[in-house]
Amino acid sequence: MSRFESWLDESGIGLSVKQFPAGTRTAADAARAVGCDVGQIVKSLVFVAAGRPVVALVSGANRLDEKRLAAAAGEPVTKADAEVARSATGYSIGGVPPFGHATAVPVFMDRDLLGHSVVWAAAGRPDSVFEIDPERLRELSGAVVTDLSVITPTRDPQADPDLPAKRGGEQPDLSAKRGGEQP
């Protein structure tokens, strides 16, 4: 039994850990092992914000926006190295659970995680995860819910002159784009 499993058992929270020998170190590995969408995997990322370690919980399908984390947790924001992550949480990178840390670490949770009925989070080792309702995850981690993900811009034909715009069912005139050739 791992230290996190022992902590879960002692706390009486009622969550069970599943172990996958192939590993769950990355979000893609965990999603394959569990058989879920990568967006349902919780990445527990350790950063240093305003001089103190913090944990950011982000969907495996998203990238953390450090500026958004800074707005929530304080500036400056830098990735924690392996030693800082381990001393603050008690766990190595790749297995950091969202709660049950060695020290009182502020936790920030990306709002996108609340869009799933269940999510899977690291359970203290790079081969173990547990299933949890996102609202319960927020509650048990004491997380501040905020927008932490990078916003990916979409291509708008009206804003991008390289994309032909369609108006009212008209087909765009592509002859100028093709050097005068007719389609």
N, C-alpha and C. Protein backbone atom coordinates (compact mmCIF):
# COMPACT_ATOMS: atom_id res chain seq x y z
N MET A 1 0.84 -1.18 0.00
CA MET A 1 0.00 0.00 0.00
C MET A 1 0.89 1.25 0.00
N SER A 2 0.61 2.18 -0.92
CA SER A 2 1.41 3.40 -1.00
C SER A 2 1.04 4.35 0.14
N ARG A 3 1.87 5.36 0.33
CA ARG A 3 1.62 6.36 1.38
C ARG A 3 0.29 7.06 1.14
N PHE A 4 -0.03 7.39 -0.12
CA PHE A 4 -1.31 8.05 -0.40
C PHE A 4 -2.48 7.12 -0.10
N GLU A 5 -2.35 5.85 -0.47
CA GLU A 5 -3.41 4.88 -0.16
C GLU A 5 -3.61 4.76 1.34
N SER A 6 -2.52 4.76 2.10
CA SER A 6 -2.62 4.72 3.56
C SER A 6 -3.33 5.96 4.07
N TRP A 7 -2.97 7.12 3.51
CA TRP A 7 -3.61 8.38 3.91
C TRP A 7 -5.11 8.32 3.60
N LEU A 8 -5.48 7.82 2.41
CA LEU A 8 -6.90 7.69 2.05
C LEU A 8 -7.61 6.77 3.03
N ASP A 9 -6.98 5.64 3.35
CA ASP A 9 -7.57 4.66 4.26
C ASP A 9 -7.80 5.28 5.64
N GLU A 10 -6.80 5.97 6.14
CA GLU A 10 -6.90 6.60 7.47
C GLU A 10 -7.94 7.72 7.50
N SER A 11 -8.08 8.44 6.38
CA SER A 11 -8.99 9.59 6.34
C SER A 11 -10.45 9.16 6.21
N GLY A 12 -10.68 7.93 5.76
CA GLY A 12 -12.05 7.44 5.59
C GLY A 12 -12.81 8.10 4.47
N ILE A 13 -12.12 8.65 3.50
CA ILE A 13 -12.75 9.36 2.38
C ILE A 13 -13.54 8.41 1.48
N GLY A 14 -13.11 7.17 1.39
CA GLY A 14 -13.85 6.19 0.61
C GLY A 14 -13.50 6.14 -0.87
N LEU A 15 -12.30 6.55 -1.22
CA LEU A 15 -11.85 6.46 -2.61
C LEU A 15 -10.92 5.27 -2.74
N SER A 16 -10.95 4.63 -3.90
CA SER A 16 -10.05 3.49 -4.09
C SER A 16 -9.09 3.76 -5.24
N VAL A 17 -7.87 3.33 -5.04
CA VAL A 17 -6.78 3.53 -5.99
C VAL A 17 -6.70 2.34 -6.92
N LYS A 18 -6.48 2.64 -8.20
CA LYS A 18 -6.26 1.58 -9.19
C LYS A 18 -4.84 1.71 -9.72
N GLN A 19 -4.17 0.58 -9.78
CA GLN A 19 -2.79 0.55 -10.23
C GLN A 19 -2.72 -0.01 -11.64
N PHE A 20 -1.87 0.61 -12.47
CA PHE A 20 -1.68 0.20 -13.86
C PHE A 20 -0.18 0.02 -14.11
N PRO A 21 0.27 -1.22 -14.21
CA PRO A 21 1.71 -1.48 -14.37
C PRO A 21 2.35 -0.77 -15.57
N ALA A 22 1.57 -0.51 -16.63
CA ALA A 22 2.12 0.17 -17.80
C ALA A 22 2.41 1.64 -17.49
N GLY A 23 1.87 2.16 -16.40
CA GLY A 23 2.16 3.52 -15.97
C GLY A 23 1.07 4.52 -16.32
N THR A 24 1.01 5.57 -15.51
CA THR A 24 0.05 6.65 -15.70
C THR A 24 0.75 8.00 -15.53
N ARG A 25 2.04 8.03 -15.85
CA ARG A 25 2.86 9.23 -15.62
C ARG A 25 2.36 10.43 -16.41
N THR A 26 1.94 10.25 -17.66
CA THR A 26 1.43 11.36 -18.47
C THR A 26 -0.08 11.24 -18.58
N ALA A 27 -0.72 12.33 -18.97
CA ALA A 27 -2.18 12.32 -19.15
C ALA A 27 -2.58 11.31 -20.21
N ALA A 28 -1.83 11.23 -21.29
CA ALA A 28 -2.15 10.28 -22.36
C ALA A 28 -2.00 8.84 -21.87
N ASP A 29 -0.93 8.57 -21.11
CA ASP A 29 -0.74 7.23 -20.54
C ASP A 29 -1.89 6.86 -19.62
N ALA A 30 -2.28 7.79 -18.77
CA ALA A 30 -3.37 7.54 -17.81
C ALA A 30 -4.69 7.30 -18.54
N ALA A 31 -4.98 8.10 -19.55
CA ALA A 31 -6.24 7.94 -20.30
C ALA A 31 -6.28 6.58 -20.99
N ARG A 32 -5.16 6.17 -21.58
CA ARG A 32 -5.09 4.84 -22.22
C ARG A 32 -5.32 3.74 -21.19
N ALA A 33 -4.66 3.85 -20.05
CA ALA A 33 -4.76 2.82 -19.02
C ALA A 33 -6.18 2.72 -18.48
N VAL A 34 -6.80 3.84 -18.20
CA VAL A 34 -8.13 3.88 -17.60
C VAL A 34 -9.22 3.59 -18.63
N GLY A 35 -8.97 4.01 -19.88
CA GLY A 35 -9.99 3.87 -20.92
C GLY A 35 -10.96 5.03 -20.93
N CYS A 36 -10.44 6.23 -20.69
CA CYS A 36 -11.28 7.42 -20.69
C CYS A 36 -10.69 8.46 -21.63
N ASP A 37 -11.40 9.56 -21.77
CA ASP A 37 -10.93 10.68 -22.58
C ASP A 37 -9.80 11.39 -21.83
N VAL A 38 -8.79 11.86 -22.55
CA VAL A 38 -7.66 12.53 -21.91
C VAL A 38 -8.12 13.77 -21.13
N GLY A 39 -9.24 14.37 -21.51
CA GLY A 39 -9.78 15.51 -20.78
C GLY A 39 -10.24 15.17 -19.39
N GLN A 40 -10.47 13.89 -19.11
CA GLN A 40 -10.91 13.45 -17.78
C GLN A 40 -9.74 13.17 -16.84
N ILE A 41 -8.53 13.32 -17.32
CA ILE A 41 -7.35 13.12 -16.49
C ILE A 41 -6.99 14.44 -15.84
N VAL A 42 -6.76 14.41 -14.54
CA VAL A 42 -6.37 15.60 -13.79
C VAL A 42 -4.85 15.64 -13.72
N LYS A 43 -4.27 16.69 -14.28
CA LYS A 43 -2.83 16.90 -14.13
C LYS A 43 -2.64 17.74 -12.87
N SER A 44 -1.86 17.24 -11.91
CA SER A 44 -1.51 17.99 -10.71
C SER A 44 -0.13 18.58 -10.95
N LEU A 45 -0.10 19.87 -11.29
CA LEU A 45 1.15 20.54 -11.65
C LEU A 45 1.62 21.41 -10.48
N VAL A 46 2.88 21.25 -10.12
CA VAL A 46 3.42 22.00 -8.99
C VAL A 46 4.22 23.19 -9.54
N PHE A 47 3.87 24.37 -9.05
CA PHE A 47 4.53 25.61 -9.43
C PHE A 47 4.94 26.36 -8.16
N VAL A 48 5.74 27.37 -8.33
CA VAL A 48 6.04 28.31 -7.27
C VAL A 48 5.42 29.62 -7.71
N ALA A 49 4.49 30.14 -6.90
CA ALA A 49 3.81 31.40 -7.20
C ALA A 49 4.00 32.33 -6.01
N ALA A 50 4.46 33.53 -6.28
CA ALA A 50 4.71 34.52 -5.23
C ALA A 50 5.60 33.94 -4.14
N GLY A 51 6.56 33.09 -4.54
CA GLY A 51 7.53 32.55 -3.60
C GLY A 51 7.10 31.33 -2.81
N ARG A 52 5.91 30.78 -3.09
CA ARG A 52 5.45 29.60 -2.33
C ARG A 52 4.96 28.53 -3.30
N PRO A 53 5.13 27.25 -2.95
CA PRO A 53 4.63 26.18 -3.82
C PRO A 53 3.10 26.18 -3.87
N VAL A 54 2.57 25.92 -5.05
CA VAL A 54 1.13 25.78 -5.26
C VAL A 54 0.91 24.61 -6.21
N VAL A 55 -0.30 24.04 -6.17
CA VAL A 55 -0.65 22.97 -7.10
C VAL A 55 -1.78 23.48 -7.99
N ALA A 56 -1.61 23.27 -9.30
CA ALA A 56 -2.63 23.62 -10.28
C ALA A 56 -3.21 22.33 -10.83
N LEU A 57 -4.53 22.17 -10.73
CA LEU A 57 -5.22 20.99 -11.27
C LEU A 57 -5.81 21.38 -12.61
N VAL A 58 -5.33 20.71 -13.67
CA VAL A 58 -5.71 21.05 -15.04
C VAL A 58 -6.08 19.79 -15.79
N SER A 59 -7.06 19.89 -16.66
CA SER A 59 -7.46 18.77 -17.50
C SER A 59 -6.28 18.31 -18.36
N GLY A 60 -6.17 17.01 -18.55
CA GLY A 60 -5.12 16.46 -19.38
C GLY A 60 -5.17 16.92 -20.82
N ALA A 61 -6.32 17.43 -21.26
CA ALA A 61 -6.47 17.91 -22.63
C ALA A 61 -6.01 19.36 -22.78
N ASN A 62 -5.76 20.04 -21.66
CA ASN A 62 -5.44 21.46 -21.70
C ASN A 62 -4.00 21.74 -21.29
N ARG A 63 -3.56 22.93 -21.68
CA ARG A 63 -2.26 23.43 -21.25
C ARG A 63 -2.50 24.54 -20.24
N LEU A 64 -1.70 24.58 -19.18
CA LEU A 64 -1.82 25.61 -18.16
C LEU A 64 -1.32 26.94 -18.70
N ASP A 65 -2.07 28.00 -18.45
CA ASP A 65 -1.66 29.36 -18.80
C ASP A 65 -1.04 29.95 -17.53
N GLU A 66 0.27 30.12 -17.53
CA GLU A 66 0.97 30.60 -16.34
C GLU A 66 0.53 32.01 -15.95
N LYS A 67 0.11 32.82 -16.91
CA LYS A 67 -0.38 34.17 -16.59
C LYS A 67 -1.68 34.09 -15.80
N ARG A 68 -2.54 33.15 -16.18
CA ARG A 68 -3.80 32.97 -15.44
C ARG A 68 -3.53 32.44 -14.04
N LEU A 69 -2.57 31.52 -13.91
CA LEU A 69 -2.21 31.04 -12.59
C LEU A 69 -1.65 32.18 -11.75
N ALA A 70 -0.82 33.03 -12.34
CA ALA A 70 -0.25 34.18 -11.63
C ALA A 70 -1.35 35.11 -11.14
N ALA A 71 -2.38 35.31 -11.96
CA ALA A 71 -3.49 36.18 -11.56
C ALA A 71 -4.21 35.61 -10.33
N ALA A 72 -4.27 34.30 -10.24
CA ALA A 72 -4.97 33.65 -9.12
C ALA A 72 -4.08 33.44 -7.90
N ALA A 73 -2.80 33.11 -8.13
CA ALA A 73 -1.92 32.69 -7.04
C ALA A 73 -0.85 33.71 -6.68
N GLY A 74 -0.60 34.67 -7.54
CA GLY A 74 0.43 35.66 -7.29
C GLY A 74 1.63 35.50 -8.21
N GLU A 75 2.32 36.62 -8.43
CA GLU A 75 3.49 36.62 -9.31
C GLU A 75 4.76 36.67 -8.48
N PRO A 76 5.86 36.23 -9.03
CA PRO A 76 6.03 35.55 -10.30
C PRO A 76 5.68 34.07 -10.18
N VAL A 77 5.44 33.43 -11.33
CA VAL A 77 5.13 32.01 -11.38
C VAL A 77 6.23 31.29 -12.16
N THR A 78 6.76 30.22 -11.55
CA THR A 78 7.74 29.38 -12.23
C THR A 78 7.41 27.92 -11.92
N LYS A 79 7.83 27.03 -12.82
CA LYS A 79 7.64 25.60 -12.56
C LYS A 79 8.51 25.20 -11.37
N ALA A 80 7.95 24.39 -10.51
CA ALA A 80 8.73 23.88 -9.38
C ALA A 80 9.66 22.79 -9.87
N ASP A 81 10.86 22.75 -9.34
CA ASP A 81 11.75 21.65 -9.70
C ASP A 81 11.36 20.42 -8.88
N ALA A 82 11.98 19.31 -9.19
CA ALA A 82 11.61 18.03 -8.55
C ALA A 82 11.75 18.08 -7.04
N GLU A 83 12.79 18.75 -6.53
CA GLU A 83 13.02 18.83 -5.09
C GLU A 83 11.93 19.65 -4.39
N VAL A 84 11.57 20.79 -4.97
CA VAL A 84 10.52 21.64 -4.39
C VAL A 84 9.18 20.90 -4.42
N ALA A 85 8.88 20.25 -5.54
CA ALA A 85 7.61 19.52 -5.66
C ALA A 85 7.53 18.43 -4.60
N ARG A 86 8.60 17.70 -4.43
CA ARG A 86 8.60 16.59 -3.46
C ARG A 86 8.52 17.11 -2.02
N SER A 87 9.26 18.17 -1.71
CA SER A 87 9.25 18.64 -0.33
C SER A 87 7.91 19.29 0.02
N ALA A 88 7.25 19.94 -0.94
CA ALA A 88 5.96 20.60 -0.66
C ALA A 88 4.81 19.60 -0.59
N THR A 89 4.82 18.62 -1.51
CA THR A 89 3.67 17.71 -1.60
C THR A 89 3.94 16.35 -0.95
N GLY A 90 5.21 15.97 -0.89
CA GLY A 90 5.55 14.63 -0.39
C GLY A 90 5.58 13.59 -1.50
N TYR A 91 5.40 14.04 -2.74
CA TYR A 91 5.33 13.11 -3.88
C TYR A 91 6.20 13.61 -5.03
N SER A 92 6.62 12.66 -5.85
CA SER A 92 7.42 12.98 -7.03
C SER A 92 6.54 13.44 -8.18
N ILE A 93 7.11 14.28 -9.02
CA ILE A 93 6.42 14.72 -10.23
C ILE A 93 6.01 13.48 -11.02
N GLY A 94 4.79 13.48 -11.53
CA GLY A 94 4.26 12.33 -12.26
C GLY A 94 3.34 11.48 -11.40
N GLY A 95 3.31 11.76 -10.10
CA GLY A 95 2.45 11.01 -9.20
C GLY A 95 1.81 11.88 -8.12
N VAL A 96 1.93 13.20 -8.27
CA VAL A 96 1.42 14.13 -7.25
C VAL A 96 -0.11 14.07 -7.21
N PRO A 97 -0.67 13.69 -6.07
CA PRO A 97 -2.13 13.68 -5.95
C PRO A 97 -2.66 15.10 -5.74
N PRO A 98 -3.93 15.33 -5.93
CA PRO A 98 -4.49 16.67 -5.77
C PRO A 98 -4.69 17.10 -4.32
N PHE A 99 -4.57 16.18 -3.38
CA PHE A 99 -4.70 16.49 -1.95
C PHE A 99 -3.93 15.45 -1.16
N GLY A 100 -3.87 15.62 0.17
CA GLY A 100 -3.10 14.69 1.00
C GLY A 100 -1.62 15.01 0.95
N HIS A 101 -1.29 16.28 0.79
CA HIS A 101 0.10 16.71 0.65
C HIS A 101 0.82 16.77 2.00
N ALA A 102 2.15 16.77 1.94
CA ALA A 102 2.99 16.82 3.13
C ALA A 102 2.88 18.16 3.85
N THR A 103 2.61 19.23 3.11
CA THR A 103 2.47 20.56 3.70
C THR A 103 1.16 21.17 3.20
N ALA A 104 0.76 22.26 3.80
CA ALA A 104 -0.46 22.97 3.37
C ALA A 104 -0.13 23.74 2.10
N VAL A 105 -0.47 23.16 0.96
CA VAL A 105 -0.18 23.75 -0.34
C VAL A 105 -1.48 24.29 -0.94
N PRO A 106 -1.51 25.59 -1.31
CA PRO A 106 -2.71 26.11 -1.97
C PRO A 106 -2.94 25.37 -3.29
N VAL A 107 -4.20 25.06 -3.57
CA VAL A 107 -4.56 24.33 -4.79
C VAL A 107 -5.52 25.19 -5.61
N PHE A 108 -5.26 25.24 -6.92
CA PHE A 108 -6.09 25.97 -7.86
C PHE A 108 -6.56 24.98 -8.91
N MET A 109 -7.86 24.99 -9.21
CA MET A 109 -8.46 24.00 -10.10
C MET A 109 -9.06 24.69 -11.31
N ASP A 110 -8.70 24.20 -12.50
CA ASP A 110 -9.26 24.76 -13.72
C ASP A 110 -10.74 24.41 -13.83
N ARG A 111 -11.52 25.40 -14.18
CA ARG A 111 -12.97 25.27 -14.29
C ARG A 111 -13.38 24.17 -15.26
N ASP A 112 -12.57 23.90 -16.29
CA ASP A 112 -12.90 22.86 -17.29
C ASP A 112 -13.13 21.49 -16.66
N LEU A 113 -12.47 21.20 -15.56
CA LEU A 113 -12.62 19.89 -14.93
C LEU A 113 -14.04 19.66 -14.44
N LEU A 114 -14.75 20.72 -14.10
CA LEU A 114 -16.13 20.59 -13.60
C LEU A 114 -17.10 20.17 -14.70
N GLY A 115 -16.67 20.18 -15.94
CA GLY A 115 -17.52 19.79 -17.06
C GLY A 115 -17.63 18.29 -17.27
N HIS A 116 -16.94 17.50 -16.46
CA HIS A 116 -16.96 16.04 -16.59
C HIS A 116 -17.75 15.43 -15.43
N SER A 117 -18.35 14.29 -15.68
CA SER A 117 -19.08 13.62 -14.59
C SER A 117 -18.11 12.95 -13.62
N VAL A 118 -17.00 12.45 -14.12
CA VAL A 118 -15.93 11.90 -13.29
C VAL A 118 -14.59 12.26 -13.91
N VAL A 119 -13.58 12.35 -13.06
CA VAL A 119 -12.21 12.58 -13.51
C VAL A 119 -11.31 11.59 -12.78
N TRP A 120 -10.10 11.45 -13.29
CA TRP A 120 -9.12 10.52 -12.71
C TRP A 120 -7.88 11.32 -12.34
N ALA A 121 -7.40 11.13 -11.11
CA ALA A 121 -6.25 11.89 -10.62
C ALA A 121 -5.15 10.96 -10.13
N ALA A 122 -3.93 11.49 -10.10
CA ALA A 122 -2.77 10.72 -9.64
C ALA A 122 -2.95 10.34 -8.17
N ALA A 123 -2.45 9.16 -7.84
CA ALA A 123 -2.61 8.62 -6.49
C ALA A 123 -1.27 8.39 -5.80
N GLY A 124 -0.33 9.32 -6.01
CA GLY A 124 0.93 9.25 -5.27
C GLY A 124 2.05 8.50 -5.93
N ARG A 125 1.76 7.78 -7.01
CA ARG A 125 2.78 7.01 -7.73
C ARG A 125 2.55 7.17 -9.23
N PRO A 126 3.58 6.97 -10.04
CA PRO A 126 3.42 7.13 -11.49
C PRO A 126 2.69 5.98 -12.18
N ASP A 127 2.10 5.07 -11.39
CA ASP A 127 1.34 3.96 -11.98
C ASP A 127 -0.04 3.81 -11.35
N SER A 128 -0.48 4.84 -10.61
CA SER A 128 -1.73 4.71 -9.87
C SER A 128 -2.59 5.97 -9.99
N VAL A 129 -3.91 5.75 -10.11
CA VAL A 129 -4.87 6.84 -10.20
C VAL A 129 -6.13 6.47 -9.42
N PHE A 130 -6.99 7.46 -9.19
CA PHE A 130 -8.28 7.20 -8.57
C PHE A 130 -9.34 8.02 -9.27
N GLU A 131 -10.56 7.51 -9.27
CA GLU A 131 -11.70 8.15 -9.90
C GLU A 131 -12.42 9.00 -8.86
N ILE A 132 -12.88 10.20 -9.30
CA ILE A 132 -13.56 11.09 -8.37
C ILE A 132 -14.48 12.05 -9.13
N ASP A 133 -15.57 12.42 -8.49
CA ASP A 133 -16.47 13.46 -9.02
C ASP A 133 -15.71 14.79 -8.93
N PRO A 134 -15.73 15.62 -9.96
CA PRO A 134 -14.97 16.87 -9.93
C PRO A 134 -15.34 17.81 -8.77
N GLU A 135 -16.61 17.85 -8.40
CA GLU A 135 -17.01 18.71 -7.29
C GLU A 135 -16.41 18.20 -5.97
N ARG A 136 -16.36 16.90 -5.83
CA ARG A 136 -15.74 16.31 -4.63
C ARG A 136 -14.23 16.56 -4.65
N LEU A 137 -13.64 16.53 -5.83
CA LEU A 137 -12.22 16.85 -5.98
C LEU A 137 -11.96 18.27 -5.48
N ARG A 138 -12.80 19.20 -5.89
CA ARG A 138 -12.67 20.59 -5.44
C ARG A 138 -12.77 20.67 -3.93
N GLU A 139 -13.76 19.99 -3.40
CA GLU A 139 -14.00 20.02 -1.96
C GLU A 139 -12.82 19.44 -1.17
N LEU A 140 -12.37 18.25 -1.55
CA LEU A 140 -11.30 17.58 -0.79
C LEU A 140 -9.95 18.28 -0.93
N SER A 141 -9.72 18.91 -2.06
CA SER A 141 -8.44 19.60 -2.27
C SER A 141 -8.47 21.02 -1.72
N GLY A 142 -9.68 21.52 -1.42
CA GLY A 142 -9.81 22.90 -0.97
C GLY A 142 -9.45 23.88 -2.07
N ALA A 143 -9.63 23.45 -3.32
CA ALA A 143 -9.18 24.23 -4.46
C ALA A 143 -10.02 25.48 -4.70
N VAL A 144 -9.34 26.50 -5.18
CA VAL A 144 -9.98 27.69 -5.71
C VAL A 144 -10.23 27.38 -7.18
N VAL A 145 -11.49 27.43 -7.62
CA VAL A 145 -11.82 27.15 -9.01
C VAL A 145 -11.68 28.44 -9.82
N THR A 146 -10.95 28.36 -10.91
CA THR A 146 -10.72 29.51 -11.77
C THR A 146 -10.37 29.02 -13.17
N ASP A 147 -10.26 29.93 -14.10
CA ASP A 147 -9.86 29.57 -15.47
C ASP A 147 -8.34 29.57 -15.53
N LEU A 148 -7.76 28.40 -15.79
CA LEU A 148 -6.31 28.25 -15.82
C LEU A 148 -5.76 27.82 -17.16
N SER A 149 -6.62 27.43 -18.09
CA SER A 149 -6.16 26.87 -19.36
C SER A 149 -5.83 27.95 -20.38
N VAL A 150 -4.90 27.61 -21.26
CA VAL A 150 -4.58 28.46 -22.40
C VAL A 150 -5.80 28.50 -23.31
N ILE A 151 -6.16 29.67 -23.74
CA ILE A 151 -7.27 29.80 -24.68
C ILE A 151 -6.69 29.69 -26.08
N THR A 152 -7.18 28.73 -26.85
CA THR A 152 -6.73 28.53 -28.21
C THR A 152 -7.64 29.31 -29.14
N PRO A 153 -7.08 30.28 -29.86
CA PRO A 153 -7.93 31.07 -30.75
C PRO A 153 -8.42 30.21 -31.92
N THR A 154 -9.64 30.49 -32.35
CA THR A 154 -10.18 29.81 -33.52
C THR A 154 -9.97 30.71 -34.73
N ARG A 155 -9.90 30.12 -35.89
CA ARG A 155 -9.70 30.90 -37.11
C ARG A 155 -11.04 31.41 -37.60
N ASP A 156 -11.17 32.69 -37.68
CA ASP A 156 -12.38 33.36 -38.13
C ASP A 156 -12.15 33.89 -39.54
N PRO A 157 -12.91 33.42 -40.51
CA PRO A 157 -12.71 33.89 -41.89
C PRO A 157 -12.82 35.41 -42.01
N GLN A 158 -13.63 36.04 -41.18
CA GLN A 158 -13.77 37.50 -41.25
C GLN A 158 -12.51 38.20 -40.74
N ALA A 159 -11.79 37.56 -39.83
CA ALA A 159 -10.61 38.17 -39.24
C ALA A 159 -9.33 37.72 -39.93
N ASP A 160 -9.39 36.70 -40.77
CA ASP A 160 -8.21 36.16 -41.42
C ASP A 160 -8.33 36.34 -42.92
N PRO A 161 -7.57 37.26 -43.49
CA PRO A 161 -7.70 37.52 -44.93
C PRO A 161 -7.28 36.35 -45.82
N ASP A 162 -6.57 35.36 -45.27
CA ASP A 162 -6.17 34.20 -46.06
C ASP A 162 -7.28 33.17 -46.20
N LEU A 163 -8.36 33.31 -45.44
CA LEU A 163 -9.48 32.39 -45.53
C LEU A 163 -10.61 33.03 -46.31
N PRO A 164 -11.14 32.34 -47.32
CA PRO A 164 -12.26 32.92 -48.05
C PRO A 164 -13.50 32.98 -47.16
N ALA A 165 -14.22 34.08 -47.28
CA ALA A 165 -15.44 34.25 -46.48
C ALA A 165 -16.65 33.89 -47.33
N LYS A 166 -17.60 33.19 -46.73
CA LYS A 166 -18.86 32.87 -47.39
C LYS A 166 -19.92 33.79 -46.83
N ARG A 167 -20.68 34.40 -47.71
CA ARG A 167 -21.76 35.26 -47.26
C ARG A 167 -23.03 34.84 -47.98
N GLY A 168 -24.07 34.61 -47.23
CA GLY A 168 -25.37 34.31 -47.80
C GLY A 168 -25.36 33.19 -48.82
N GLY A 169 -24.55 32.18 -48.63
CA GLY A 169 -24.53 31.03 -49.53
C GLY A 169 -23.67 31.24 -50.77
N GLU A 170 -23.06 32.42 -50.95
CA GLU A 170 -22.21 32.66 -52.11
C GLU A 170 -20.93 31.85 -51.99
N GLN A 171 -20.42 31.42 -53.10
CA GLN A 171 -19.14 30.77 -53.12
C GLN A 171 -18.06 31.84 -53.26
N PRO A 172 -16.99 31.75 -52.51
CA PRO A 172 -15.95 32.77 -52.61
C PRO A 172 -15.25 32.69 -53.97
N ASP A 173 -14.76 33.83 -54.45
CA ASP A 173 -14.00 33.88 -55.69
C ASP A 173 -12.55 33.56 -55.36
N LEU A 174 -12.11 32.38 -55.75
CA LEU A 174 -10.76 31.93 -55.44
C LEU A 174 -9.79 32.19 -56.58
N SER A 175 -10.25 32.79 -57.67
CA SER A 175 -9.38 32.97 -58.83
C SER A 175 -8.16 33.83 -58.51
N ALA A 176 -8.31 34.85 -57.70
CA ALA A 176 -7.17 35.68 -57.35
C ALA A 176 -6.17 34.92 -56.50
N LYS A 177 -6.63 34.02 -55.69
CA LYS A 177 -5.74 33.23 -54.83
C LYS A 177 -4.95 32.22 -55.63
N ARG A 178 -5.48 31.81 -56.79
CA ARG A 178 -4.83 30.77 -57.59
C ARG A 178 -4.15 31.34 -58.82
N GLY A 179 -3.83 32.60 -58.80
CA GLY A 179 -3.13 33.18 -59.93
C GLY A 179 -3.98 33.24 -61.19
N GLY A 180 -5.28 33.44 -61.06
CA GLY A 180 -6.15 33.61 -62.21
C GLY A 180 -6.79 32.32 -62.70
N GLU A 181 -6.40 31.16 -62.18
CA GLU A 181 -7.01 29.90 -62.61
C GLU A 181 -8.47 29.86 -62.17
N GLN A 182 -9.28 29.24 -62.95
CA GLN A 182 -10.66 29.03 -62.56
C GLN A 182 -10.78 27.66 -61.92
N PRO A 183 -11.60 27.54 -60.87
CA PRO A 183 -11.74 26.24 -60.21
C PRO A 183 -12.39 25.20 -61.11
